Amino acid sequence: MVSASGVQHYLARTFSRGRILLAGDAAHVVSPIGGQGMNLGWLDTTALAAAFQQIDRGEPFREVLAAYHLRHRALPKVVMARATLNMRSGRKSSLAPLRNAVLKGVLSSPSKRLLAYLFNPALALRTLRISLFPWL
């Protein structure tokens, strides 16, 4: 099966303004390759639940939501870059046999652990020096 879909990415300029909050697809749209977009939505809602608890405990509304915006706007950028890489690497190309041979070699060698590590979301977060769940 051949698909003509392209990479589509959208990222809101801000995830909160006043009493309006964005999460999930309202805040960011990532091409479905890899299924990472839905996971981002779950992370957003989990963080908002914790933010509401902070506000309920008396922490300043604006400061809590500003922190949510900073933490949760950075990760979609990483996920979007990965989705673009995944889409590009799967396209038909005259270099496909070379690409396939290289990937087969990497995935059948001990270096496959390094490749898996590089695509680990936890590594992306450490690289960004961001904790999505600062209360943990």
N, C-alpha and C. Protein backbone atom coordinates (compact mmCIF):
# COMPACT_ATOMS: atom_id res chain seq x y z
N MET A 1 0.84 -1.18 0.00
CA MET A 1 0.00 0.00 0.00
C MET A 1 0.88 1.24 0.00
N VAL A 2 0.53 2.20 -0.81
CA VAL A 2 1.28 3.45 -0.90
C VAL A 2 0.41 4.56 -0.34
N SER A 3 0.99 5.38 0.49
CA SER A 3 0.26 6.51 1.06
C SER A 3 0.87 7.80 0.57
N ALA A 4 0.01 8.75 0.26
CA ALA A 4 0.49 10.05 -0.21
C ALA A 4 0.46 11.08 0.90
N SER A 5 0.27 10.65 2.13
CA SER A 5 0.18 11.63 3.22
C SER A 5 1.55 12.24 3.49
N GLY A 6 1.53 13.45 3.90
CA GLY A 6 2.76 14.14 4.21
C GLY A 6 2.87 14.39 5.70
N VAL A 7 3.95 15.00 6.08
CA VAL A 7 4.17 15.33 7.47
C VAL A 7 3.43 16.62 7.78
N GLN A 8 2.58 16.58 8.78
CA GLN A 8 1.85 17.77 9.20
C GLN A 8 2.14 18.03 10.67
N HIS A 9 2.59 19.21 10.96
CA HIS A 9 2.90 19.59 12.33
C HIS A 9 2.30 20.95 12.62
N TYR A 10 1.66 21.04 13.75
CA TYR A 10 1.13 22.33 14.22
C TYR A 10 1.43 22.43 15.70
N LEU A 11 1.85 23.60 16.12
CA LEU A 11 2.17 23.83 17.52
C LEU A 11 1.62 25.20 17.92
N ALA A 12 0.76 25.22 18.91
CA ALA A 12 0.18 26.49 19.37
C ALA A 12 1.28 27.39 19.92
N ARG A 13 1.10 28.68 19.72
CA ARG A 13 2.08 29.64 20.25
C ARG A 13 2.13 29.63 21.77
N THR A 14 0.99 29.39 22.37
CA THR A 14 0.94 29.31 23.82
C THR A 14 -0.08 28.23 24.20
N PHE A 15 0.14 27.60 25.32
CA PHE A 15 -0.77 26.56 25.78
C PHE A 15 -1.76 27.09 26.80
N SER A 16 -1.59 28.35 27.20
CA SER A 16 -2.54 28.94 28.14
C SER A 16 -2.60 30.45 27.93
N ARG A 17 -3.81 30.96 28.04
CA ARG A 17 -4.02 32.41 27.99
C ARG A 17 -5.24 32.69 28.85
N GLY A 18 -5.01 33.44 29.91
CA GLY A 18 -6.11 33.69 30.85
C GLY A 18 -6.57 32.37 31.45
N ARG A 19 -7.86 32.11 31.31
CA ARG A 19 -8.42 30.87 31.84
C ARG A 19 -8.63 29.81 30.77
N ILE A 20 -8.04 30.03 29.59
CA ILE A 20 -8.15 29.06 28.49
C ILE A 20 -6.88 28.23 28.46
N LEU A 21 -7.06 26.92 28.45
CA LEU A 21 -5.92 25.98 28.44
C LEU A 21 -6.01 25.09 27.22
N LEU A 22 -4.87 24.79 26.64
CA LEU A 22 -4.81 23.86 25.52
C LEU A 22 -4.03 22.63 25.92
N ALA A 23 -4.50 21.48 25.44
CA ALA A 23 -3.81 20.21 25.68
C ALA A 23 -4.09 19.31 24.48
N GLY A 24 -3.27 18.31 24.30
CA GLY A 24 -3.49 17.34 23.24
C GLY A 24 -3.48 17.98 21.86
N ASP A 25 -4.39 17.52 21.00
CA ASP A 25 -4.41 18.01 19.61
C ASP A 25 -4.76 19.48 19.50
N ALA A 26 -5.38 20.06 20.51
CA ALA A 26 -5.65 21.49 20.48
C ALA A 26 -4.35 22.29 20.64
N ALA A 27 -3.36 21.69 21.27
CA ALA A 27 -2.08 22.36 21.51
C ALA A 27 -1.02 22.00 20.47
N HIS A 28 -1.08 20.77 19.98
CA HIS A 28 -0.05 20.32 19.03
C HIS A 28 -0.59 19.17 18.19
N VAL A 29 -0.23 19.18 16.93
CA VAL A 29 -0.59 18.09 16.02
C VAL A 29 0.71 17.56 15.44
N VAL A 30 0.89 16.27 15.56
CA VAL A 30 2.09 15.61 15.07
C VAL A 30 1.64 14.50 14.13
N SER A 31 2.35 14.34 13.02
CA SER A 31 2.01 13.25 12.11
C SER A 31 1.94 11.94 12.89
N PRO A 32 1.00 11.07 12.51
CA PRO A 32 0.74 9.89 13.34
C PRO A 32 1.82 8.83 13.33
N ILE A 33 2.85 8.97 12.51
CA ILE A 33 3.88 7.94 12.46
C ILE A 33 4.53 7.79 13.85
N GLY A 34 4.55 6.61 14.34
CA GLY A 34 5.13 6.35 15.65
C GLY A 34 4.14 6.47 16.80
N GLY A 35 2.94 6.99 16.55
CA GLY A 35 1.91 7.10 17.58
C GLY A 35 2.26 8.01 18.74
N GLN A 36 3.13 8.98 18.50
CA GLN A 36 3.60 9.82 19.60
C GLN A 36 2.66 10.97 19.94
N GLY A 37 1.81 11.37 19.00
CA GLY A 37 0.91 12.50 19.24
C GLY A 37 -0.05 12.24 20.38
N MET A 38 -0.65 11.04 20.40
CA MET A 38 -1.59 10.72 21.47
C MET A 38 -0.87 10.66 22.82
N ASN A 39 0.33 10.15 22.82
CA ASN A 39 1.09 10.09 24.07
C ASN A 39 1.35 11.50 24.61
N LEU A 40 1.61 12.45 23.72
CA LEU A 40 1.80 13.83 24.16
C LEU A 40 0.53 14.35 24.83
N GLY A 41 -0.62 14.02 24.27
CA GLY A 41 -1.88 14.45 24.86
C GLY A 41 -2.08 13.91 26.25
N TRP A 42 -1.71 12.64 26.45
CA TRP A 42 -1.82 12.05 27.80
C TRP A 42 -0.88 12.75 28.77
N LEU A 43 0.32 13.07 28.32
CA LEU A 43 1.26 13.79 29.18
C LEU A 43 0.72 15.17 29.55
N ASP A 44 0.13 15.84 28.57
CA ASP A 44 -0.46 17.16 28.83
C ASP A 44 -1.54 17.08 29.91
N THR A 45 -2.47 16.14 29.75
CA THR A 45 -3.58 16.07 30.69
C THR A 45 -3.12 15.65 32.08
N THR A 46 -2.14 14.78 32.15
CA THR A 46 -1.59 14.40 33.45
C THR A 46 -0.95 15.61 34.13
N ALA A 47 -0.22 16.39 33.36
CA ALA A 47 0.42 17.58 33.92
C ALA A 47 -0.61 18.63 34.33
N LEU A 48 -1.67 18.78 33.54
CA LEU A 48 -2.71 19.75 33.91
C LEU A 48 -3.43 19.33 35.19
N ALA A 49 -3.65 18.04 35.36
CA ALA A 49 -4.27 17.56 36.59
C ALA A 49 -3.41 17.94 37.79
N ALA A 50 -2.10 17.76 37.66
CA ALA A 50 -1.19 18.14 38.74
C ALA A 50 -1.17 19.66 38.93
N ALA A 51 -1.25 20.40 37.82
CA ALA A 51 -1.27 21.87 37.91
C ALA A 51 -2.51 22.34 38.67
N PHE A 52 -3.65 21.70 38.39
CA PHE A 52 -4.87 22.07 39.11
C PHE A 52 -4.75 21.78 40.60
N GLN A 53 -4.05 20.71 40.94
CA GLN A 53 -3.82 20.40 42.35
C GLN A 53 -2.96 21.49 42.99
N GLN A 54 -1.94 21.95 42.26
CA GLN A 54 -1.09 23.02 42.78
C GLN A 54 -1.91 24.29 43.01
N ILE A 55 -2.77 24.62 42.07
CA ILE A 55 -3.61 25.82 42.18
C ILE A 55 -4.57 25.66 43.36
N ASP A 56 -5.11 24.46 43.52
CA ASP A 56 -6.03 24.18 44.62
C ASP A 56 -5.33 24.34 45.97
N ARG A 57 -4.02 24.06 46.00
CA ARG A 57 -3.24 24.21 47.23
C ARG A 57 -2.85 25.67 47.48
N GLY A 58 -3.21 26.56 46.55
CA GLY A 58 -2.94 27.97 46.76
C GLY A 58 -1.79 28.57 45.97
N GLU A 59 -1.17 27.79 45.11
CA GLU A 59 -0.09 28.34 44.30
C GLU A 59 -0.68 29.26 43.24
N PRO A 60 0.05 30.30 42.85
CA PRO A 60 -0.48 31.29 41.91
C PRO A 60 -0.84 30.68 40.55
N PHE A 61 -2.08 30.92 40.12
CA PHE A 61 -2.63 30.39 38.89
C PHE A 61 -1.72 30.67 37.70
N ARG A 62 -1.34 31.92 37.52
CA ARG A 62 -0.54 32.31 36.34
C ARG A 62 0.83 31.65 36.33
N GLU A 63 1.46 31.56 37.49
CA GLU A 63 2.79 30.96 37.55
C GLU A 63 2.73 29.45 37.24
N VAL A 64 1.73 28.79 37.74
CA VAL A 64 1.58 27.35 37.51
C VAL A 64 1.35 27.10 36.02
N LEU A 65 0.48 27.89 35.40
CA LEU A 65 0.19 27.69 33.98
C LEU A 65 1.35 28.11 33.09
N ALA A 66 2.12 29.11 33.52
CA ALA A 66 3.31 29.48 32.75
C ALA A 66 4.32 28.33 32.77
N ALA A 67 4.45 27.67 33.90
CA ALA A 67 5.37 26.52 34.00
C ALA A 67 4.87 25.38 33.11
N TYR A 68 3.56 25.15 33.09
CA TYR A 68 2.98 24.12 32.21
C TYR A 68 3.32 24.43 30.76
N HIS A 69 3.13 25.68 30.36
CA HIS A 69 3.42 26.08 28.98
C HIS A 69 4.88 25.82 28.63
N LEU A 70 5.80 26.22 29.48
CA LEU A 70 7.24 26.04 29.19
C LEU A 70 7.61 24.57 29.07
N ARG A 71 7.12 23.75 29.98
CA ARG A 71 7.48 22.33 29.96
C ARG A 71 6.87 21.60 28.78
N HIS A 72 5.62 21.89 28.52
CA HIS A 72 4.90 21.06 27.55
C HIS A 72 4.91 21.58 26.13
N ARG A 73 5.54 22.69 25.89
CA ARG A 73 5.68 23.17 24.52
C ARG A 73 7.00 22.69 23.92
N ALA A 74 7.95 22.32 24.75
CA ALA A 74 9.27 21.90 24.26
C ALA A 74 9.24 20.48 23.69
N LEU A 75 8.58 19.55 24.36
CA LEU A 75 8.61 18.16 23.91
C LEU A 75 7.98 17.94 22.54
N PRO A 76 6.86 18.58 22.19
CA PRO A 76 6.33 18.38 20.84
C PRO A 76 7.32 18.75 19.74
N LYS A 77 8.19 19.70 19.99
CA LYS A 77 9.20 20.05 18.99
C LYS A 77 10.12 18.86 18.71
N VAL A 78 10.52 18.15 19.76
CA VAL A 78 11.37 16.97 19.61
C VAL A 78 10.60 15.88 18.87
N VAL A 79 9.35 15.66 19.26
CA VAL A 79 8.54 14.62 18.64
C VAL A 79 8.29 14.94 17.17
N MET A 80 8.08 16.21 16.84
CA MET A 80 7.88 16.61 15.45
C MET A 80 9.12 16.34 14.61
N ALA A 81 10.28 16.61 15.17
CA ALA A 81 11.52 16.33 14.44
C ALA A 81 11.67 14.83 14.19
N ARG A 82 11.32 14.01 15.18
CA ARG A 82 11.39 12.56 15.01
C ARG A 82 10.41 12.07 13.95
N ALA A 83 9.20 12.60 13.98
CA ALA A 83 8.19 12.19 13.00
C ALA A 83 8.65 12.54 11.58
N THR A 84 9.26 13.70 11.43
CA THR A 84 9.78 14.10 10.12
C THR A 84 10.87 13.14 9.66
N LEU A 85 11.79 12.80 10.57
CA LEU A 85 12.85 11.86 10.25
C LEU A 85 12.27 10.50 9.87
N ASN A 86 11.29 10.03 10.63
CA ASN A 86 10.68 8.73 10.33
C ASN A 86 9.98 8.74 8.98
N MET A 87 9.27 9.81 8.68
CA MET A 87 8.58 9.90 7.38
C MET A 87 9.59 9.93 6.23
N ARG A 88 10.63 10.72 6.39
CA ARG A 88 11.64 10.82 5.33
C ARG A 88 12.39 9.52 5.12
N SER A 89 12.68 8.83 6.20
CA SER A 89 13.45 7.59 6.07
C SER A 89 12.62 6.47 5.45
N GLY A 90 11.30 6.59 5.47
CA GLY A 90 10.46 5.56 4.89
C GLY A 90 10.03 5.81 3.46
N ARG A 91 10.40 6.94 2.90
CA ARG A 91 9.98 7.27 1.53
C ARG A 91 10.77 6.49 0.50
N LYS A 92 10.13 6.33 -0.67
CA LYS A 92 10.83 5.68 -1.78
C LYS A 92 11.97 6.56 -2.23
N SER A 93 13.05 5.92 -2.55
CA SER A 93 14.24 6.65 -2.96
C SER A 93 15.15 5.72 -3.75
N SER A 94 15.98 6.32 -4.59
CA SER A 94 16.96 5.50 -5.31
C SER A 94 18.01 4.96 -4.35
N LEU A 95 18.11 5.59 -3.17
CA LEU A 95 19.08 5.14 -2.16
C LEU A 95 18.47 4.14 -1.17
N ALA A 96 17.22 3.72 -1.42
CA ALA A 96 16.54 2.81 -0.51
C ALA A 96 17.33 1.52 -0.24
N PRO A 97 17.92 0.89 -1.26
CA PRO A 97 18.69 -0.33 -0.95
C PRO A 97 19.86 -0.06 0.01
N LEU A 98 20.53 1.06 -0.16
CA LEU A 98 21.62 1.41 0.75
C LEU A 98 21.08 1.67 2.15
N ARG A 99 20.01 2.46 2.24
CA ARG A 99 19.38 2.74 3.54
C ARG A 99 18.99 1.45 4.23
N ASN A 100 18.35 0.54 3.49
CA ASN A 100 17.89 -0.71 4.07
C ASN A 100 19.05 -1.58 4.54
N ALA A 101 20.13 -1.60 3.78
CA ALA A 101 21.30 -2.38 4.17
C ALA A 101 21.93 -1.81 5.44
N VAL A 102 22.03 -0.49 5.52
CA VAL A 102 22.61 0.15 6.71
C VAL A 102 21.73 -0.14 7.93
N LEU A 103 20.42 0.04 7.78
CA LEU A 103 19.53 -0.22 8.91
C LEU A 103 19.56 -1.68 9.34
N LYS A 104 19.61 -2.58 8.37
CA LYS A 104 19.68 -4.01 8.70
C LYS A 104 20.95 -4.31 9.48
N GLY A 105 22.06 -3.72 9.03
CA GLY A 105 23.32 -3.93 9.74
C GLY A 105 23.29 -3.37 11.15
N VAL A 106 22.75 -2.17 11.30
CA VAL A 106 22.69 -1.53 12.63
C VAL A 106 21.77 -2.33 13.55
N LEU A 107 20.62 -2.74 13.03
CA LEU A 107 19.64 -3.42 13.87
C LEU A 107 20.01 -4.86 14.19
N SER A 108 20.99 -5.42 13.49
CA SER A 108 21.43 -6.78 13.81
C SER A 108 22.77 -6.77 14.55
N SER A 109 23.19 -5.62 15.00
CA SER A 109 24.46 -5.52 15.73
C SER A 109 24.20 -4.98 17.14
N PRO A 110 25.23 -4.99 17.97
CA PRO A 110 25.07 -4.43 19.32
C PRO A 110 24.72 -2.94 19.31
N SER A 111 24.96 -2.26 18.20
CA SER A 111 24.66 -0.82 18.15
C SER A 111 23.16 -0.54 18.13
N LYS A 112 22.32 -1.59 18.03
CA LYS A 112 20.88 -1.37 18.05
C LYS A 112 20.45 -0.78 19.40
N ARG A 113 21.18 -1.10 20.45
CA ARG A 113 20.86 -0.51 21.76
C ARG A 113 21.10 0.99 21.75
N LEU A 114 22.17 1.41 21.08
CA LEU A 114 22.45 2.84 20.98
C LEU A 114 21.33 3.54 20.19
N LEU A 115 20.89 2.93 19.12
CA LEU A 115 19.82 3.50 18.32
C LEU A 115 18.54 3.61 19.14
N ALA A 116 18.21 2.57 19.89
CA ALA A 116 17.02 2.61 20.74
C ALA A 116 17.16 3.70 21.80
N TYR A 117 18.34 3.85 22.35
CA TYR A 117 18.59 4.88 23.36
C TYR A 117 18.37 6.28 22.78
N LEU A 118 18.82 6.48 21.54
CA LEU A 118 18.68 7.80 20.92
C LEU A 118 17.22 8.17 20.67
N PHE A 119 16.35 7.18 20.51
CA PHE A 119 14.94 7.44 20.28
C PHE A 119 14.10 7.31 21.54
N ASN A 120 14.76 7.26 22.67
CA ASN A 120 14.07 7.15 23.95
C ASN A 120 13.57 8.52 24.38
N PRO A 121 12.27 8.67 24.68
CA PRO A 121 11.74 9.97 25.09
C PRO A 121 12.41 10.51 26.34
N ALA A 122 12.81 9.62 27.25
CA ALA A 122 13.46 10.09 28.47
C ALA A 122 14.77 10.79 28.14
N LEU A 123 15.49 10.30 27.13
CA LEU A 123 16.73 10.95 26.71
C LEU A 123 16.43 12.34 26.15
N ALA A 124 15.37 12.45 25.37
CA ALA A 124 15.00 13.76 24.82
C ALA A 124 14.72 14.74 25.94
N LEU A 125 14.05 14.28 26.97
CA LEU A 125 13.74 15.17 28.09
C LEU A 125 15.00 15.58 28.83
N ARG A 126 15.91 14.63 29.03
CA ARG A 126 17.17 14.98 29.70
C ARG A 126 17.97 15.94 28.85
N THR A 127 17.95 15.74 27.53
CA THR A 127 18.67 16.64 26.63
C THR A 127 18.09 18.03 26.73
N LEU A 128 16.77 18.13 26.81
CA LEU A 128 16.12 19.43 26.94
C LEU A 128 16.22 19.97 28.37
N ARG A 129 16.68 19.13 29.28
CA ARG A 129 16.78 19.48 30.70
C ARG A 129 15.43 19.93 31.24
N ILE A 130 14.43 19.15 30.88
CA ILE A 130 13.06 19.46 31.28
C ILE A 130 12.49 18.26 32.02
N SER A 131 11.84 18.54 33.08
CA SER A 131 11.09 17.51 33.78
C SER A 131 9.60 17.79 33.55
N LEU A 132 8.92 16.87 32.88
CA LEU A 132 7.49 17.07 32.65
C LEU A 132 6.70 16.90 33.95
N PHE A 133 7.28 16.17 34.88
CA PHE A 133 6.61 15.93 36.14
C PHE A 133 7.53 16.36 37.28
N PRO A 134 7.62 17.67 37.54
CA PRO A 134 8.56 18.16 38.54
C PRO A 134 8.22 17.71 39.96
N TRP A 135 7.01 17.23 40.18
CA TRP A 135 6.64 16.78 41.52
C TRP A 135 7.17 15.40 41.81
N LEU A 136 7.72 14.68 40.81
CA LEU A 136 8.28 13.34 41.04
C LEU A 136 9.72 13.42 41.49
